[in-house]
N, C-alpha and C. Protein backbone atom coordinates (compact mmCIF):
# COMPACT_ATOMS: atom_id res chain seq x y z
N MET A 1 0.29 -2.72 2.46
CA MET A 1 1.20 -1.61 3.12
C MET A 1 2.23 -0.72 2.57
N VAL A 2 2.39 -1.15 1.11
CA VAL A 2 3.39 -0.13 0.55
C VAL A 2 2.47 1.36 0.51
N ALA A 3 1.28 1.40 0.12
CA ALA A 3 0.61 2.46 -0.80
C ALA A 3 0.58 3.09 1.22
N ALA A 4 -0.11 2.23 2.18
CA ALA A 4 -0.02 2.95 3.75
C ALA A 4 1.55 3.96 3.87
N ALA A 5 2.55 2.94 3.91
CA ALA A 5 3.88 3.42 3.70
C ALA A 5 3.92 4.83 3.36
N GLN A 6 3.97 4.82 1.78
CA GLN A 6 4.13 6.20 1.01
C GLN A 6 3.50 7.34 1.48
N HIS A 7 1.65 6.71 1.73
CA HIS A 7 0.82 8.27 2.03
C HIS A 7 1.84 8.54 3.53
N ALA A 8 1.92 7.70 4.63
CA ALA A 8 2.44 7.98 5.67
C ALA A 8 3.65 9.04 5.82
N HIS A 9 4.41 8.75 4.66
CA HIS A 9 5.56 9.43 4.47
C HIS A 9 5.07 11.08 3.70
N GLN A 10 4.08 11.11 2.62
CA GLN A 10 3.42 12.70 2.28
C GLN A 10 2.94 13.12 3.30
N ALA A 11 2.35 12.21 4.19
CA ALA A 11 1.57 13.44 4.85
C ALA A 11 2.14 13.71 6.07
N ALA A 12 3.79 13.32 6.35
CA ALA A 12 4.30 13.93 7.73
C ALA A 12 4.56 14.67 6.92
N VAL A 13 5.51 14.60 6.05
CA VAL A 13 6.01 15.80 5.48
C VAL A 13 5.08 16.86 5.55
N SER A 14 4.13 16.60 4.68
CA SER A 14 3.44 17.71 4.51
C SER A 14 2.23 18.63 5.06
N LYS A 15 2.32 17.57 6.60
CA LYS A 15 1.66 17.57 7.47
C LYS A 15 -0.18 17.75 7.16
N GLN A 16 -0.77 16.99 6.47
CA GLN A 16 -1.71 16.61 5.55
C GLN A 16 -2.52 15.93 6.85
N SER A 17 -3.51 16.09 6.52
CA SER A 17 -5.00 15.84 7.64
C SER A 17 -5.06 14.35 7.20
N PHE A 18 -5.87 13.81 8.49
CA PHE A 18 -5.75 12.32 8.66
C PHE A 18 -7.16 12.08 7.86
N GLU A 19 -7.41 10.71 7.09
CA GLU A 19 -8.40 10.09 6.43
C GLU A 19 -9.48 9.98 7.18
N ALA A 20 -8.89 8.62 7.88
CA ALA A 20 -9.80 7.57 8.72
C ALA A 20 -10.39 7.97 10.10
N LEU A 21 -8.83 8.51 10.81
CA LEU A 21 -9.14 9.07 12.05
C LEU A 21 -9.01 10.55 12.58
N THR A 22 -10.06 10.87 13.09
CA THR A 22 -10.15 12.44 13.77
C THR A 22 -8.69 13.01 14.39
N PRO A 23 -8.99 14.02 14.21
CA PRO A 23 -7.41 14.22 14.97
C PRO A 23 -7.34 14.21 16.25
N ASP A 24 -8.89 13.86 17.24
CA ASP A 24 -8.60 13.42 18.57
C ASP A 24 -7.91 11.92 18.96
N GLN A 25 -8.73 11.53 17.08
CA GLN A 25 -8.40 9.92 17.65
C GLN A 25 -6.75 9.80 16.90
N ALA A 26 -6.53 10.34 16.37
CA ALA A 26 -4.93 10.53 16.13
C ALA A 26 -4.57 10.88 17.04
N ARG A 27 -4.24 11.54 18.42
CA ARG A 27 -3.02 12.28 19.09
C ARG A 27 -3.44 10.71 20.06
N GLU A 28 -4.77 10.18 20.08
CA GLU A 28 -4.73 8.71 21.03
C GLU A 28 -4.03 7.84 20.71
N VAL A 29 -3.88 7.60 19.50
CA VAL A 29 -3.08 6.42 18.71
C VAL A 29 -1.77 6.94 19.14
N ALA A 30 -1.45 8.16 18.14
CA ALA A 30 0.33 8.09 18.67
C ALA A 30 0.32 8.08 20.20
N ALA A 31 -0.03 8.84 21.01
CA ALA A 31 0.18 8.38 22.36
C ALA A 31 0.32 6.95 22.53
N ILE A 32 -0.50 6.11 21.74
CA ILE A 32 -0.39 4.49 22.85
C ILE A 32 0.76 4.18 21.46
N ALA A 33 1.02 4.79 20.57
CA ALA A 33 2.07 3.89 19.39
C ALA A 33 3.40 4.40 20.38
N ALA A 34 3.19 5.81 20.91
CA ALA A 34 5.00 6.18 21.46
C ALA A 34 5.19 5.15 22.91
N ARG A 35 3.66 4.44 23.48
CA ARG A 35 3.99 3.50 24.69
C ARG A 35 4.41 2.52 23.92
N ILE A 36 3.87 1.81 23.33
CA ILE A 36 4.39 0.50 22.51
C ILE A 36 5.91 0.52 21.79
N ILE A 37 6.03 1.97 21.26
CA ILE A 37 7.53 2.10 20.69
C ILE A 37 7.83 3.16 21.34
N PRO A 38 8.64 2.95 22.71
CA PRO A 38 8.97 4.79 23.24
C PRO A 38 10.40 5.24 22.35
N THR A 39 10.68 6.50 22.42
CA THR A 39 11.85 7.14 22.20
C THR A 39 12.50 7.03 23.55
N ASP A 40 13.55 6.55 23.25
CA ASP A 40 14.70 6.05 24.55
C ASP A 40 16.18 6.60 23.78
N GLU A 41 17.03 5.96 23.71
CA GLU A 41 18.36 6.22 23.23
C GLU A 41 18.35 5.53 21.40
N LEU A 42 16.82 5.59 21.19
CA LEU A 42 16.76 5.13 20.41
C LEU A 42 15.55 5.65 19.21
N PRO A 43 15.09 5.89 18.42
CA PRO A 43 14.00 6.69 18.05
C PRO A 43 12.73 5.53 18.20
N GLY A 44 11.96 5.49 17.99
CA GLY A 44 10.97 5.38 18.72
C GLY A 44 9.56 5.46 17.91
N ALA A 45 8.05 5.39 17.53
CA ALA A 45 6.85 5.58 17.11
C ALA A 45 6.68 6.41 16.79
N ALA A 46 6.96 7.30 17.63
CA ALA A 46 6.68 9.00 17.21
C ALA A 46 7.51 9.63 16.10
N GLU A 47 8.62 9.19 15.96
CA GLU A 47 9.62 9.38 14.98
C GLU A 47 9.72 9.38 13.82
N ALA A 48 9.28 7.60 13.52
CA ALA A 48 8.86 6.92 12.68
C ALA A 48 7.23 7.78 12.04
N HIS A 49 6.41 8.07 12.56
CA HIS A 49 5.42 8.87 12.00
C HIS A 49 4.34 7.58 11.86
N VAL A 50 4.21 6.71 12.61
CA VAL A 50 3.30 5.77 12.64
C VAL A 50 2.28 5.90 12.74
N VAL A 51 1.47 7.13 13.06
CA VAL A 51 0.25 7.01 13.04
C VAL A 51 -0.24 7.30 11.89
N TYR A 52 0.36 8.03 11.19
CA TYR A 52 0.16 8.38 9.54
C TYR A 52 -0.01 7.00 9.11
N PHE A 53 1.07 6.14 9.14
CA PHE A 53 0.81 4.57 8.55
C PHE A 53 -0.63 3.78 9.05
N ILE A 54 -0.81 4.46 9.96
CA ILE A 54 -1.86 3.65 10.66
C ILE A 54 -3.25 4.11 10.20
N ASP A 55 -3.54 5.19 10.06
CA ASP A 55 -4.54 6.56 9.64
C ASP A 55 -4.65 5.38 8.01
N ARG A 56 -3.55 5.52 7.10
CA ARG A 56 -4.00 5.18 6.10
C ARG A 56 -4.03 3.88 5.80
N ALA A 57 -3.70 2.92 6.93
CA ALA A 57 -3.89 1.37 6.69
C ALA A 57 -5.68 1.58 7.32
N LEU A 58 -5.69 2.57 8.29
CA LEU A 58 -7.30 2.05 8.30
C LEU A 58 -8.23 2.62 7.17
N LYS A 59 -7.44 3.36 6.44
CA LYS A 59 -8.68 4.25 5.41
C LYS A 59 -8.21 3.17 3.97
N THR A 60 -7.30 2.45 4.12
CA THR A 60 -7.48 1.71 2.98
C THR A 60 -7.64 0.01 3.39
N PHE A 61 -6.15 -0.79 3.45
CA PHE A 61 -6.36 -2.49 3.28
C PHE A 61 -6.74 -2.94 4.94
N ALA A 62 -6.86 -2.09 5.61
CA ALA A 62 -7.78 -2.75 7.38
C ALA A 62 -8.74 -1.98 7.59
N SER A 63 -9.71 -1.15 6.76
CA SER A 63 -10.63 -0.52 6.66
C SER A 63 -11.69 -1.18 7.66
N ASP A 64 -11.71 -2.34 7.51
CA ASP A 64 -12.39 -3.17 8.48
C ASP A 64 -12.18 -3.23 10.27
N ASN A 65 -10.58 -2.72 10.16
CA ASN A 65 -10.44 -2.52 11.77
C ASN A 65 -10.82 -0.99 12.45
N LEU A 66 -11.48 -0.39 11.42
CA LEU A 66 -11.90 0.93 12.10
C LEU A 66 -12.79 1.21 13.06
N PRO A 67 -13.66 0.78 13.20
CA PRO A 67 -14.68 0.27 14.45
C PRO A 67 -13.94 -0.74 15.17
N LEU A 68 -12.91 -1.14 15.29
CA LEU A 68 -11.99 -1.60 16.42
C LEU A 68 -11.23 -0.58 17.33
N TYR A 69 -10.69 0.30 15.97
CA TYR A 69 -9.80 1.43 16.66
C TYR A 69 -10.92 2.23 17.41
N GLN A 70 -12.03 2.57 17.14
CA GLN A 70 -12.52 3.44 18.01
C GLN A 70 -13.05 3.19 18.81
N SER A 71 -13.30 2.05 18.76
CA SER A 71 -14.46 1.39 20.26
C SER A 71 -13.20 1.06 21.08
N GLY A 72 -12.12 1.00 20.41
CA GLY A 72 -10.90 0.87 21.26
C GLY A 72 -10.46 2.08 22.36
N LEU A 73 -10.53 3.32 21.60
CA LEU A 73 -9.53 4.38 21.58
C LEU A 73 -10.57 5.05 23.05
N VAL A 74 -11.98 4.32 22.87
CA VAL A 74 -13.24 4.92 24.09
C VAL A 74 -12.97 3.98 24.88
N GLU A 75 -12.45 2.85 24.91
CA GLU A 75 -12.22 2.08 26.16
C GLU A 75 -10.51 2.39 27.03
N VAL A 76 -9.86 2.82 25.90
CA VAL A 76 -8.58 3.39 26.85
C VAL A 76 -8.68 4.74 27.19
N ASN A 77 -9.43 5.78 26.92
CA ASN A 77 -10.05 6.74 27.85
C ASN A 77 -10.76 6.59 28.32
N ARG A 78 -11.78 5.59 28.79
CA ARG A 78 -12.53 5.25 30.08
C ARG A 78 -11.19 4.87 30.64
N ALA A 79 -10.85 4.26 30.68
CA ALA A 79 -9.72 3.17 31.70
C ALA A 79 -8.93 4.65 32.50
N ALA A 80 -8.42 5.49 31.16
CA ALA A 80 -7.34 6.46 31.99
C ALA A 80 -8.58 7.51 33.05
N ALA A 81 -9.52 8.07 32.47
CA ALA A 81 -10.74 8.56 33.45
C ALA A 81 -10.94 8.03 34.89
N GLU A 82 -11.05 6.86 34.23
CA GLU A 82 -11.20 5.75 36.02
C GLU A 82 -10.26 5.81 36.93
N MET A 83 -9.01 5.51 36.09
CA MET A 83 -8.37 5.25 37.38
C MET A 83 -7.26 6.78 37.40
N PHE A 84 -7.15 7.58 37.06
CA PHE A 84 -6.49 8.64 37.15
C PHE A 84 -7.63 9.70 37.08
N PRO A 85 -8.56 10.40 38.25
CA PRO A 85 -9.12 11.10 38.12
C PRO A 85 -8.35 12.38 37.27
N GLY A 86 -9.17 13.11 36.87
CA GLY A 86 -8.94 14.41 36.17
C GLY A 86 -8.09 14.15 34.85
N VAL A 87 -7.91 13.15 34.27
CA VAL A 87 -7.04 12.85 33.23
C VAL A 87 -8.45 12.26 32.25
N LYS A 88 -8.68 13.32 31.41
CA LYS A 88 -9.50 13.27 30.43
C LYS A 88 -9.06 11.98 29.31
N SER A 89 -7.97 11.69 28.95
CA SER A 89 -7.88 10.93 27.78
C SER A 89 -6.52 10.38 28.32
N PHE A 90 -6.50 9.64 27.55
CA PHE A 90 -4.63 8.80 27.26
C PHE A 90 -3.45 9.77 27.37
N SER A 91 -3.97 10.73 25.93
CA SER A 91 -3.29 11.31 25.84
C SER A 91 -2.28 12.67 26.86
N ALA A 92 -3.45 12.58 27.65
CA ALA A 92 -3.11 13.45 28.79
C ALA A 92 -2.24 13.33 30.20
N ALA A 93 -2.29 11.86 30.04
CA ALA A 93 -1.92 11.22 31.29
C ALA A 93 -0.22 11.32 30.92
N THR A 94 0.40 10.48 31.97
CA THR A 94 2.00 11.25 32.29
C THR A 94 2.47 9.65 31.47
N PRO A 95 3.84 9.31 31.02
CA PRO A 95 4.20 8.18 30.52
C PRO A 95 3.90 6.97 31.42
N GLU A 96 5.02 7.42 32.53
CA GLU A 96 4.44 6.18 33.58
C GLU A 96 2.45 6.01 33.85
N GLN A 97 1.29 6.83 34.06
CA GLN A 97 0.10 6.02 33.56
C GLN A 97 -0.09 5.65 32.88
N GLN A 98 0.56 5.98 31.52
CA GLN A 98 -0.15 5.77 30.27
C GLN A 98 0.75 3.87 30.59
N ASP A 99 1.62 3.31 30.65
CA ASP A 99 2.10 2.67 31.35
C ASP A 99 0.96 1.75 31.88
N LYS A 100 0.88 2.35 33.30
CA LYS A 100 -0.27 1.38 33.95
C LYS A 100 -1.60 1.56 33.39
N ILE A 101 -1.80 2.24 32.45
CA ILE A 101 -3.59 1.71 32.13
C ILE A 101 -3.09 0.70 31.24
N LEU A 102 -2.62 0.63 29.91
CA LEU A 102 -1.81 -0.67 29.13
C LEU A 102 -2.00 -1.68 29.36
N THR A 103 -0.87 -1.59 30.66
CA THR A 103 -0.97 -2.80 31.11
C THR A 103 -1.82 -3.15 32.19
N GLU A 104 -2.73 -2.69 32.60
CA GLU A 104 -4.06 -3.23 33.22
C GLU A 104 -4.74 -3.50 32.23
N LEU A 105 -4.78 -2.73 31.34
CA LEU A 105 -6.22 -3.25 29.91
C LEU A 105 -5.56 -4.58 29.17
N SER A 106 -4.46 -4.78 29.08
CA SER A 106 -3.95 -6.28 28.36
C SER A 106 -3.85 -7.14 29.72
N ALA A 107 -3.59 -6.62 30.96
CA ALA A 107 -4.20 -7.85 31.59
C ALA A 107 -5.57 -8.57 31.61
N LYS A 108 -6.23 -7.54 31.12
CA LYS A 108 -7.87 -8.02 30.81
C LYS A 108 -7.76 -8.72 29.92
N GLN A 109 -7.40 -8.22 28.54
CA GLN A 109 -7.29 -8.71 27.60
C GLN A 109 -6.81 -10.34 26.99
N LEU A 110 -5.78 -9.91 27.57
CA LEU A 110 -4.63 -10.90 26.69
C LEU A 110 -3.36 -11.76 27.97
N PRO A 111 -2.80 -12.77 28.00
CA PRO A 111 -1.90 -12.99 28.49
C PRO A 111 -0.33 -12.20 28.29
N GLN A 112 0.55 -11.93 28.66
CA GLN A 112 1.67 -10.85 28.02
C GLN A 112 2.78 -11.97 27.86
N THR A 113 3.94 -11.85 26.99
CA THR A 113 4.99 -12.22 26.98
C THR A 113 6.10 -10.93 26.60
N GLY A 114 7.18 -11.22 26.86
CA GLY A 114 7.99 -9.83 27.18
C GLY A 114 8.68 -9.60 26.06
N SER A 115 8.95 -8.50 25.57
CA SER A 115 9.76 -7.69 24.24
C SER A 115 11.08 -7.01 25.15
N ARG A 116 11.36 -6.38 23.98
CA ARG A 116 12.54 -5.58 24.36
C ARG A 116 12.16 -4.51 24.92
N ARG A 117 11.27 -3.78 24.32
CA ARG A 117 11.05 -2.69 24.47
C ARG A 117 9.52 -2.20 25.32
N ARG A 118 8.74 -3.15 25.28
CA ARG A 118 7.34 -3.11 26.28
C ARG A 118 6.61 -4.59 26.73
N ASN A 119 6.18 -4.98 27.26
CA ASN A 119 5.36 -6.00 27.19
C ASN A 119 4.44 -6.26 26.11
N GLN A 120 4.22 -6.64 25.48
CA GLN A 120 3.38 -6.98 24.50
C GLN A 120 2.25 -8.03 23.85
N PRO A 121 0.87 -7.89 23.71
CA PRO A 121 0.02 -8.64 23.82
C PRO A 121 0.80 -10.18 22.77
N ALA A 122 0.02 -11.31 23.62
CA ALA A 122 0.60 -12.16 22.87
C ALA A 122 0.18 -12.75 21.49
N ALA A 123 -1.30 -12.88 21.74
CA ALA A 123 -2.10 -12.94 20.39
C ALA A 123 -3.47 -12.64 20.98
N GLY A 124 -4.62 -13.13 19.71
CA GLY A 124 -5.59 -12.28 19.98
C GLY A 124 -6.57 -11.59 18.94
N SER A 125 -7.48 -10.98 18.69
CA SER A 125 -7.87 -9.92 17.57
C SER A 125 -8.35 -8.80 18.18
N GLY A 126 -8.15 -8.25 19.32
CA GLY A 126 -8.85 -6.65 20.35
C GLY A 126 -7.89 -5.98 19.50
N PHE A 127 -8.35 -5.35 20.43
CA PHE A 127 -7.89 -3.69 19.92
C PHE A 127 -6.12 -3.20 20.39
N LEU A 128 -5.95 -3.63 21.19
CA LEU A 128 -4.40 -3.85 21.87
C LEU A 128 -3.26 -4.32 21.23
N GLN A 129 -4.22 -5.89 20.71
CA GLN A 129 -2.98 -6.65 19.98
C GLN A 129 -3.34 -5.84 18.46
N THR A 130 -4.19 -5.39 17.85
CA THR A 130 -4.22 -5.08 16.16
C THR A 130 -3.39 -3.47 16.54
N ILE A 131 -3.34 -2.97 17.40
CA ILE A 131 -2.49 -1.66 17.43
C ILE A 131 -1.56 -2.26 17.39
N TRP A 132 -0.80 -3.05 17.97
CA TRP A 132 0.27 -3.13 18.47
C TRP A 132 0.95 -3.31 16.90
N TYR A 133 0.46 -4.99 16.81
CA TYR A 133 0.63 -4.66 15.18
C TYR A 133 0.59 -4.05 13.96
N ASP A 134 -0.02 -3.19 14.33
CA ASP A 134 0.45 -2.15 13.45
C ASP A 134 0.96 -1.42 13.60
N THR A 135 1.63 -0.87 14.72
CA THR A 135 2.63 0.10 15.06
C THR A 135 3.87 -0.85 14.43
N VAL A 136 4.09 -1.91 14.95
CA VAL A 136 5.41 -2.62 14.92
C VAL A 136 5.35 -2.71 13.21
N CYS A 137 4.36 -2.82 12.57
CA CYS A 137 4.24 -2.73 10.85
C CYS A 137 4.68 -1.40 10.38
N GLY A 138 4.18 -0.52 11.00
CA GLY A 138 4.09 1.09 10.80
C GLY A 138 5.77 1.84 11.08
N PHE A 139 6.31 0.77 12.30
CA PHE A 139 7.90 1.26 11.94
C PHE A 139 8.76 0.65 11.61
N LEU A 140 8.48 -0.54 11.25
CA LEU A 140 9.47 -1.38 10.21
C LEU A 140 9.41 -1.61 8.84
N VAL A 141 8.32 -1.28 8.39
CA VAL A 141 7.65 -0.89 6.95
C VAL A 141 9.41 -0.37 6.24
N ASP A 142 9.09 -0.79 4.87
CA ASP A 142 10.22 -0.40 3.85
C ASP A 142 10.28 1.05 3.69
N PRO A 143 11.04 1.95 4.48
CA PRO A 143 11.15 3.38 3.82
C PRO A 143 11.11 3.70 2.54
N GLU A 144 11.34 2.81 1.57
CA GLU A 144 11.53 3.24 0.43
C GLU A 144 9.97 3.75 -0.19
N GLY A 145 8.92 2.79 0.65
CA GLY A 145 7.93 2.83 0.16
C GLY A 145 7.17 4.31 0.76
N GLY A 146 7.68 5.00 1.78
CA GLY A 146 7.09 5.89 2.82
C GLY A 146 7.37 6.15 4.11
N GLY A 147 7.44 4.61 4.46
CA GLY A 147 6.91 4.47 5.95
C GLY A 147 8.08 4.51 6.49
N ASN A 148 8.70 4.51 8.01
CA ASN A 148 9.28 4.12 8.48
C ASN A 148 10.48 5.33 8.28
N ARG A 149 9.74 6.83 8.75
CA ARG A 149 10.65 7.53 8.38
C ARG A 149 11.87 8.00 8.67
N ASP A 150 12.77 8.51 7.89
CA ASP A 150 13.78 8.43 8.44
C ASP A 150 15.11 7.14 8.55
N PHE A 151 14.39 5.94 8.16
CA PHE A 151 14.66 5.02 8.58
C PHE A 151 15.07 4.41 10.25
N ALA A 152 14.00 5.39 10.85
CA ALA A 152 13.97 5.25 12.22
C ALA A 152 13.81 3.51 12.99
N GLY A 153 12.79 3.23 12.18
CA GLY A 153 12.62 1.67 12.57
C GLY A 153 13.72 0.70 12.33
N TRP A 154 14.61 1.00 11.13
CA TRP A 154 15.37 0.32 11.19
C TRP A 154 17.13 0.41 11.82
N LYS A 155 16.90 1.62 12.09
CA LYS A 155 18.26 1.96 13.06
C LYS A 155 18.40 1.34 14.25
N VAL A 156 16.76 0.87 14.48
CA VAL A 156 16.69 0.19 15.89
C VAL A 156 16.95 -1.42 15.82
N ILE A 157 16.97 -1.61 14.73
CA ILE A 157 17.30 -2.92 14.70
C ILE A 157 18.49 -3.43 13.76
N GLY A 158 18.87 -1.57 14.15
CA GLY A 158 20.67 -2.60 13.35
C GLY A 158 20.66 -3.00 11.70
N ARG A 159 19.71 -2.32 10.83
CA ARG A 159 19.99 -2.99 9.59
C ARG A 159 20.27 -1.41 9.02
N ASP A 160 20.95 -1.91 7.85
CA ASP A 160 21.69 -1.01 7.10
C ASP A 160 20.91 -0.64 5.98
N PRO A 161 19.96 -0.03 5.63
CA PRO A 161 19.68 1.25 4.61
C PRO A 161 20.09 1.01 3.19
N ALA A 162 21.50 0.29 2.72
CA ALA A 162 21.82 0.06 1.54
C ALA A 162 21.71 -0.85 1.51
N HIS A 163 21.03 -1.41 -0.09
CA HIS A 163 20.78 -2.31 -0.72
C HIS A 163 21.71 -3.32 -0.69
N SER A 164 21.47 -4.50 -0.36
CA SER A 164 22.78 -5.52 -0.75
C SER A 164 22.32 -6.43 -2.00
N PHE A 165 21.01 -6.66 -2.80
CA PHE A 165 21.00 -7.02 -3.89
C PHE A 165 21.43 -6.56 -4.98
N SER A 166 22.95 -6.95 -4.99
CA SER A 166 23.31 -6.43 -6.51
C SER A 166 24.26 -8.03 -6.72
N PRO A 167 24.05 -8.03 -8.18
CA PRO A 167 24.85 -9.36 -8.75
C PRO A 167 27.06 -9.47 -8.33
N PRO A 168 27.16 -10.39 -8.57
CA PRO A 168 26.78 -11.74 -8.02
C PRO A 168 25.85 -11.81 -7.20
N PHE A 169 24.73 -12.47 -6.71
CA PHE A 169 24.26 -12.93 -5.62
C PHE A 169 24.75 -14.37 -5.23
N GLY A 170 25.26 -14.79 -5.80
CA GLY A 170 25.97 -16.05 -5.20
C GLY A 170 26.80 -16.98 -5.94
N TYR A 171 27.70 -18.11 -5.52
CA TYR A 171 28.50 -18.99 -6.14
C TYR A 171 26.93 -19.89 -7.36
N TYR A 172 25.91 -19.36 -6.73
CA TYR A 172 24.98 -20.92 -7.32
C TYR A 172 24.57 -20.07 -8.35
N ASP A 173 24.60 -18.84 -8.60
CA ASP A 173 24.46 -18.01 -9.61
C ASP A 173 25.75 -18.40 -11.24
N LYS A 174 26.54 -18.43 -11.09
CA LYS A 174 27.55 -18.57 -11.63
C LYS A 174 26.79 -18.87 -13.02
N ASP A 175 25.98 -19.88 -13.53
CA ASP A 175 25.51 -20.60 -14.40
C ASP A 175 24.79 -19.89 -14.97
N TYR A 176 23.93 -19.07 -14.77
CA TYR A 176 22.57 -18.57 -14.84
C TYR A 176 22.63 -18.12 -16.52
N PRO A 177 21.68 -17.82 -17.62
CA PRO A 177 22.07 -17.22 -18.70
C PRO A 177 21.90 -15.95 -18.61
N GLY A 178 22.93 -14.99 -18.67
CA GLY A 178 22.77 -13.78 -18.49
C GLY A 178 23.10 -13.21 -17.56
N TRP A 179 23.93 -13.83 -16.63
CA TRP A 179 25.40 -13.38 -15.71
C TRP A 179 26.45 -13.04 -15.96
N GLN A 180 26.68 -13.94 -17.47
CA GLN A 180 27.98 -13.67 -17.62
C GLN A 180 27.83 -14.66 -19.17
N PRO A 181 28.64 -13.56 -20.05
CA PRO A 181 28.07 -14.03 -21.58
C PRO A 181 28.75 -15.66 -21.73
N LEU A 182 28.03 -15.86 -22.36
CA LEU A 182 28.28 -17.45 -23.07
C LEU A 182 29.63 -17.76 -23.84
N PRO A 183 30.75 -18.27 -23.45
CA PRO A 183 31.74 -18.34 -24.50
C PRO A 183 31.38 -18.36 -26.00
N ALA A 184 30.78 -19.01 -26.47
CA ALA A 184 29.94 -19.38 -27.77
C ALA A 184 29.46 -18.09 -28.18
N GLU A 185 28.71 -17.43 -27.44
CA GLU A 185 27.96 -15.96 -27.87
C GLU A 185 29.43 -14.81 -27.92
N THR A 186 30.17 -14.86 -27.52
CA THR A 186 31.56 -14.16 -27.49
C THR A 186 32.28 -13.90 -28.53
N ASP A 187 32.18 -15.48 -28.94
CA ASP A 187 32.86 -15.50 -29.99
C ASP A 187 32.33 -15.30 -31.47
N LYS A 188 30.93 -15.29 -31.65
CA LYS A 188 29.74 -14.98 -32.69
C LYS A 188 30.45 -13.54 -32.82
N LYS A 189 30.42 -12.60 -31.19
CA LYS A 189 30.42 -11.24 -31.69
C LYS A 189 31.57 -10.73 -32.67
């Protein structure tokens, strides 16, 4: 995930082309991710450049999910065209239409559980569950690795970007060798 996050950061900064997804597929993935974690008063998946993280994941550690993405995107676009005549793809639909498409497809695939932002698939290994998981990972991955651009995900959850890992860690570390010089060692010098 760290490698995917680093790639996501570099790709977003340099406007690099996608490695696993075609530009059309990337546009659809970005649109779906933007409905999973939409932009409101807080940053969303678009600001965190989640699509670059997903693309890198599909090229590397999650490459076995690429066929699932390809078939899932075809299904989502087919549903968009069937539900809303004249709409050729998910990304061409309005946000309200996109929500209806995802709600309809997820109702067919999985039971729903509520979340703060949007309904999320509860369990399973289908396309919607996979893209939901990948979107959340790309949104919350450690920004030092290059993902979660400008701490977008951390701003949403209220995490302070400053590291809090500095000695002393706690009272239980006070006798750890190396934490403080032992009195006998101080006397030898």
